[in-house]
Amino acid sequence: AGMSTVNQGDLYSHVVRHVVAPLWARREKSPYLRHYRNFLRTQYRPLDEVRQDQWTRLKSLLDHAYAHTRFYRDRFAALGLTPQDIRTWQDFERLPLLTKDDIRANRDAMVADSIPKDRLFPKKTSGSTGVSLSFFVDEDSLQWKRGCALRHDEWTGWRLGERIGAV
């Protein structure tokens, strides 16, 4: 009897993982499973490949932030820099760290002008360090995080579709 329960559980997990979850993601028009599969495929890449990808993505992010947010245009101007001046990791280290106070004082100026305001969702941190922090995210960000969460959960041994207990 115990063996059939395990098999039923395996069947249930298999159906959820390969049928229900993909159909639900399609219904939601959500890319989270695509992000999740990409994270699984790329999580053990060689370090030099990861660093090159990080650099490429960072440069793209700096270009976007400079082109589309008042805060980062002002921050670069105050330093006498543009994103094109950031050519090495040492150049990047010249940029000041972003602080919670920066975010609190400039939240709206940090929102990219290329994202329609009606596509933004307000979020808040828990405030575990004393004061919560509020900011905006978009749907793409939420779905990327959802894919990350699935991959991280699998590091514990859980797989998509398996039942969990919660208190």
C-alpha atoms as a PDB file:
ATOM      1  CA  ALA A   1       0.000   0.000   0.000  1.00  0.00           C
ATOM      2  CA  GLY A   2       2.872   2.372   0.830  1.00  0.00           C
ATOM      3  CA  MET A   3       4.408   1.828  -2.607  1.00  0.00           C
ATOM      4  CA  SER A   4       1.233   2.840  -4.469  1.00  0.00           C
ATOM      5  CA  THR A   5       1.038   6.039  -2.407  1.00  0.00           C
ATOM      6  CA  VAL A   6       4.585   6.937  -3.466  1.00  0.00           C
ATOM      7  CA  ASN A   7       3.745   6.178  -7.083  1.00  0.00           C
ATOM      8  CA  GLN A   8       0.574   8.268  -6.857  1.00  0.00           C
ATOM      9  CA  GLY A   9       2.651  11.099  -5.387  1.00  0.00           C
ATOM     10  CA  ASP A  10       5.193  10.760  -8.174  1.00  0.00           C
ATOM     11  CA  LEU A  11       2.395  10.732 -10.760  1.00  0.00           C
ATOM     12  CA  TYR A  12       0.780  13.770  -9.152  1.00  0.00           C
ATOM     13  CA  SER A  13       4.105  15.674  -9.152  1.00  0.00           C
ATOM     14  CA  HIS A  14       4.812  14.648 -12.747  1.00  0.00           C
ATOM     15  CA  VAL A  15       1.393  15.838 -13.942  1.00  0.00           C
ATOM     16  CA  VAL A  16       1.681  19.141 -12.073  1.00  0.00           C
ATOM     17  CA  ARG A  17       5.254  19.717 -13.277  1.00  0.00           C
ATOM     18  CA  HIS A  18       4.695  18.799 -16.935  1.00  0.00           C
ATOM     19  CA  VAL A  19       1.024  19.585 -17.569  1.00  0.00           C
ATOM     20  CA  VAL A  20      -0.640  21.793 -14.947  1.00  0.00           C
ATOM     21  CA  ALA A  21       2.199  24.276 -14.350  1.00  0.00           C
ATOM     22  CA  PRO A  22       2.908  24.885 -18.069  1.00  0.00           C
ATOM     23  CA  LEU A  23      -0.808  25.268 -18.856  1.00  0.00           C
ATOM     24  CA  TRP A  24      -1.280  27.621 -15.896  1.00  0.00           C
ATOM     25  CA  ALA A  25       1.749  29.696 -16.966  1.00  0.00           C
ATOM     26  CA  ARG A  26       0.341  29.905 -20.498  1.00  0.00           C
ATOM     27  CA  ARG A  27      -3.054  30.962 -19.127  1.00  0.00           C
ATOM     28  CA  GLU A  28      -1.370  33.667 -17.028  1.00  0.00           C
ATOM     29  CA  LYS A  29       0.847  34.638 -19.981  1.00  0.00           C
ATOM     30  CA  SER A  30       3.697  34.280 -17.485  1.00  0.00           C
ATOM     31  CA  PRO A  31       7.340  33.683 -18.475  1.00  0.00           C
ATOM     32  CA  TYR A  32       8.298  32.354 -15.029  1.00  0.00           C
ATOM     33  CA  LEU A  33       8.805  28.760 -16.220  1.00  0.00           C
ATOM     34  CA  ARG A  34      11.006  29.990 -19.069  1.00  0.00           C
ATOM     35  CA  HIS A  35      13.090  31.950 -16.531  1.00  0.00           C
ATOM     36  CA  TYR A  36      13.193  28.900 -14.260  1.00  0.00           C
ATOM     37  CA  ARG A  37      14.414  26.603 -17.073  1.00  0.00           C
ATOM     38  CA  ASN A  38      17.053  29.171 -18.024  1.00  0.00           C
ATOM     39  CA  PHE A  39      18.249  29.352 -14.396  1.00  0.00           C
ATOM     40  CA  LEU A  40      18.500  25.551 -14.267  1.00  0.00           C
ATOM     41  CA  ARG A  41      20.416  25.470 -17.543  1.00  0.00           C
ATOM     42  CA  THR A  42      22.883  28.200 -16.558  1.00  0.00           C
ATOM     43  CA  GLN A  43      23.404  27.741 -12.815  1.00  0.00           C
ATOM     44  CA  TYR A  44      26.622  25.730 -13.089  1.00  0.00           C
ATOM     45  CA  ARG A  45      28.400  27.646 -15.846  1.00  0.00           C
ATOM     46  CA  PRO A  46      32.164  28.187 -15.684  1.00  0.00           C
ATOM     47  CA  LEU A  47      33.143  31.251 -13.644  1.00  0.00           C
ATOM     48  CA  ASP A  48      34.669  33.118 -16.609  1.00  0.00           C
ATOM     49  CA  GLU A  49      31.411  32.706 -18.533  1.00  0.00           C
ATOM     50  CA  VAL A  50      29.396  33.962 -15.548  1.00  0.00           C
ATOM     51  CA  ARG A  51      31.665  36.988 -15.148  1.00  0.00           C
ATOM     52  CA  GLN A  52      31.411  37.858 -18.850  1.00  0.00           C
ATOM     53  CA  ASP A  53      27.622  37.572 -18.690  1.00  0.00           C
ATOM     54  CA  GLN A  54      27.571  39.726 -15.537  1.00  0.00           C
ATOM     55  CA  TRP A  55      29.647  42.398 -17.272  1.00  0.00           C
ATOM     56  CA  THR A  56      27.468  42.407 -20.390  1.00  0.00           C
ATOM     57  CA  ARG A  57      24.287  42.654 -18.334  1.00  0.00           C
ATOM     58  CA  LEU A  58      25.749  45.325 -16.055  1.00  0.00           C
ATOM     59  CA  LYS A  59      26.774  47.482 -19.022  1.00  0.00           C
ATOM     60  CA  SER A  60      23.294  47.126 -20.477  1.00  0.00           C
ATOM     61  CA  LEU A  61      21.741  48.056 -17.129  1.00  0.00           C
ATOM     62  CA  LEU A  62      23.960  51.134 -16.759  1.00  0.00           C
ATOM     63  CA  ASP A  63      23.086  52.273 -20.300  1.00  0.00           C
ATOM     64  CA  HIS A  64      19.378  51.774 -19.628  1.00  0.00           C
ATOM     65  CA  ALA A  65      19.450  53.512 -16.241  1.00  0.00           C
ATOM     66  CA  TYR A  66      21.340  56.478 -17.686  1.00  0.00           C
ATOM     67  CA  ALA A  67      19.026  56.770 -20.685  1.00  0.00           C
ATOM     68  CA  HIS A  68      15.747  56.297 -18.817  1.00  0.00           C
ATOM     69  CA  THR A  69      16.038  57.538 -15.221  1.00  0.00           C
ATOM     70  CA  ARG A  70      16.587  61.021 -13.907  1.00  0.00           C
ATOM     71  CA  PHE A  71      18.316  59.725 -10.772  1.00  0.00           C
ATOM     72  CA  TYR A  72      21.099  57.913 -12.641  1.00  0.00           C
ATOM     73  CA  ARG A  73      21.586  60.679 -15.206  1.00  0.00           C
ATOM     74  CA  ASP A  74      22.071  63.088 -12.280  1.00  0.00           C
ATOM     75  CA  ARG A  75      24.319  60.654 -10.394  1.00  0.00           C
ATOM     76  CA  PHE A  76      26.569  60.132 -13.427  1.00  0.00           C
ATOM     77  CA  ALA A  77      26.649  63.887 -14.127  1.00  0.00           C
ATOM     78  CA  ALA A  78      27.688  64.606 -10.527  1.00  0.00           C
ATOM     79  CA  LEU A  79      30.638  62.255 -11.052  1.00  0.00           C
ATOM     80  CA  GLY A  80      31.490  63.680 -14.486  1.00  0.00           C
ATOM     81  CA  LEU A  81      30.891  60.265 -16.054  1.00  0.00           C
ATOM     82  CA  THR A  82      28.718  58.494 -18.598  1.00  0.00           C
ATOM     83  CA  PRO A  83      28.138  54.747 -18.845  1.00  0.00           C
ATOM     84  CA  GLN A  84      30.678  54.653 -21.689  1.00  0.00           C
ATOM     85  CA  ASP A  85      33.352  55.658 -19.150  1.00  0.00           C
ATOM     86  CA  ILE A  86      32.758  52.397 -17.269  1.00  0.00           C
ATOM     87  CA  ARG A  87      35.055  50.003 -19.137  1.00  0.00           C
ATOM     88  CA  THR A  88      36.415  47.800 -16.340  1.00  0.00           C
ATOM     89  CA  TRP A  89      35.363  46.495 -12.956  1.00  0.00           C
ATOM     90  CA  GLN A  90      37.713  49.068 -11.429  1.00  0.00           C
ATOM     91  CA  ASP A  91      35.810  51.834 -13.266  1.00  0.00           C
ATOM     92  CA  PHE A  92      32.568  50.404 -11.917  1.00  0.00           C
ATOM     93  CA  GLU A  93      33.926  50.576  -8.371  1.00  0.00           C
ATOM     94  CA  ARG A  94      34.147  54.370  -8.796  1.00  0.00           C
ATOM     95  CA  LEU A  95      30.354  54.538  -8.712  1.00  0.00           C
ATOM     96  CA  PRO A  96      28.960  55.193  -5.231  1.00  0.00           C
ATOM     97  CA  LEU A  97      26.961  52.490  -3.517  1.00  0.00           C
ATOM     98  CA  LEU A  98      23.208  52.915  -3.652  1.00  0.00           C
ATOM     99  CA  THR A  99      21.837  53.324  -0.133  1.00  0.00           C
ATOM    100  CA  LYS A 100      18.387  52.915   1.337  1.00  0.00           C
ATOM    101  CA  ASP A 101      18.381  56.670   1.949  1.00  0.00           C
ATOM    102  CA  ASP A 102      19.059  57.209  -1.775  1.00  0.00           C
ATOM    103  CA  ILE A 103      16.042  55.076  -2.604  1.00  0.00           C
ATOM    104  CA  ARG A 104      13.805  56.747  -0.034  1.00  0.00           C
ATOM    105  CA  ALA A 105      14.733  60.243  -1.252  1.00  0.00           C
ATOM    106  CA  ASN A 106      14.631  59.441  -4.995  1.00  0.00           C
ATOM    107  CA  ARG A 107      12.170  56.584  -5.468  1.00  0.00           C
ATOM    108  CA  ASP A 108      10.155  58.243  -8.228  1.00  0.00           C
ATOM    109  CA  ALA A 109      13.276  59.558 -10.015  1.00  0.00           C
ATOM    110  CA  MET A 110      14.555  55.962 -10.166  1.00  0.00           C
ATOM    111  CA  VAL A 111      11.596  54.719 -12.183  1.00  0.00           C
ATOM    112  CA  ALA A 112      12.465  54.290 -15.853  1.00  0.00           C
ATOM    113  CA  ASP A 113      10.543  56.630 -18.127  1.00  0.00           C
ATOM    114  CA  SER A 114      10.242  53.768 -20.639  1.00  0.00           C
ATOM    115  CA  ILE A 115       7.861  51.839 -18.360  1.00  0.00           C
ATOM    116  CA  PRO A 116       4.237  52.976 -18.285  1.00  0.00           C
ATOM    117  CA  LYS A 117       3.215  53.912 -14.744  1.00  0.00           C
ATOM    118  CA  ASP A 118       0.173  51.643 -14.907  1.00  0.00           C
ATOM    119  CA  ARG A 119       2.532  48.652 -15.280  1.00  0.00           C
ATOM    120  CA  LEU A 120       4.220  49.319 -11.942  1.00  0.00           C
ATOM    121  CA  PHE A 121       3.401  47.676  -8.635  1.00  0.00           C
ATOM    122  CA  PRO A 122       4.396  49.230  -5.310  1.00  0.00           C
ATOM    123  CA  LYS A 123       6.417  46.914  -3.074  1.00  0.00           C
ATOM    124  CA  LYS A 124       7.765  47.270   0.435  1.00  0.00           C
ATOM    125  CA  THR A 125      10.440  45.500   2.405  1.00  0.00           C
ATOM    126  CA  SER A 126       9.490  44.093   5.773  1.00  0.00           C
ATOM    127  CA  GLY A 127      11.315  46.795   7.669  1.00  0.00           C
ATOM    128  CA  SER A 128      13.269  44.236   9.680  1.00  0.00           C
ATOM    129  CA  THR A 129      16.164  46.711  10.000  1.00  0.00           C
ATOM    130  CA  GLY A 130      13.912  49.372  11.486  1.00  0.00           C
ATOM    131  CA  VAL A 131      12.264  51.185   8.585  1.00  0.00           C
ATOM    132  CA  SER A 132      10.636  49.563   5.570  1.00  0.00           C
ATOM    133  CA  LEU A 133      11.703  50.563   2.097  1.00  0.00           C
ATOM    134  CA  SER A 134       9.146  51.187  -0.661  1.00  0.00           C
ATOM    135  CA  PHE A 135       9.869  50.883  -4.366  1.00  0.00           C
ATOM    136  CA  PHE A 136       8.235  49.804  -7.630  1.00  0.00           C
ATOM    137  CA  VAL A 137       8.515  46.635  -9.679  1.00  0.00           C
ATOM    138  CA  ASP A 138       6.936  45.579 -12.948  1.00  0.00           C
ATOM    139  CA  GLU A 139       5.370  42.285 -13.971  1.00  0.00           C
ATOM    140  CA  ASP A 140       8.554  41.104 -15.703  1.00  0.00           C
ATOM    141  CA  SER A 141      10.466  41.559 -12.453  1.00  0.00           C
ATOM    142  CA  LEU A 142       7.838  39.635 -10.488  1.00  0.00           C
ATOM    143  CA  GLN A 143       7.945  36.712 -12.931  1.00  0.00           C
ATOM    144  CA  TRP A 144      11.755  36.653 -12.960  1.00  0.00           C
ATOM    145  CA  LYS A 145      11.708  36.454  -9.151  1.00  0.00           C
ATOM    146  CA  ARG A 146       9.106  33.677  -9.324  1.00  0.00           C
ATOM    147  CA  GLY A 147      11.437  31.654 -11.568  1.00  0.00           C
ATOM    148  CA  CYS A 148      14.328  32.310  -9.152  1.00  0.00           C
ATOM    149  CA  ALA A 149      12.238  31.090  -6.230  1.00  0.00           C
ATOM    150  CA  LEU A 150      11.486  27.795  -7.991  1.00  0.00           C
ATOM    151  CA  ARG A 151      15.156  27.194  -8.714  1.00  0.00           C
ATOM    152  CA  HIS A 152      16.144  28.085  -5.140  1.00  0.00           C
ATOM    153  CA  ASP A 153      13.458  25.794  -3.731  1.00  0.00           C
ATOM    154  CA  GLU A 154      14.900  22.932  -5.779  1.00  0.00           C
ATOM    155  CA  TRP A 155      18.259  23.434  -4.088  1.00  0.00           C
ATOM    156  CA  THR A 156      16.539  22.160  -0.924  1.00  0.00           C
ATOM    157  CA  GLY A 157      15.480  18.945  -2.663  1.00  0.00           C
ATOM    158  CA  TRP A 158      11.912  19.994  -3.472  1.00  0.00           C
ATOM    159  CA  ARG A 159      10.756  19.798  -7.096  1.00  0.00           C
ATOM    160  CA  LEU A 160       8.000  21.665  -8.872  1.00  0.00           C
ATOM    161  CA  GLY A 161       4.704  19.839  -8.412  1.00  0.00           C
ATOM    162  CA  GLU A 162       5.586  18.166  -5.118  1.00  0.00           C
ATOM    163  CA  ARG A 163       3.309  18.808  -2.213  1.00  0.00           C
ATOM    164  CA  ILE A 164       4.563  20.837   0.714  1.00  0.00           C
ATOM    165  CA  GLY A 165       3.453  21.339   4.259  1.00  0.00           C
ATOM    166  CA  ALA A 166       3.135  24.837   5.664  1.00  0.00           C
ATOM    167  CA  VAL A 167       2.271  26.142   9.076  1.00  0.00           C
END
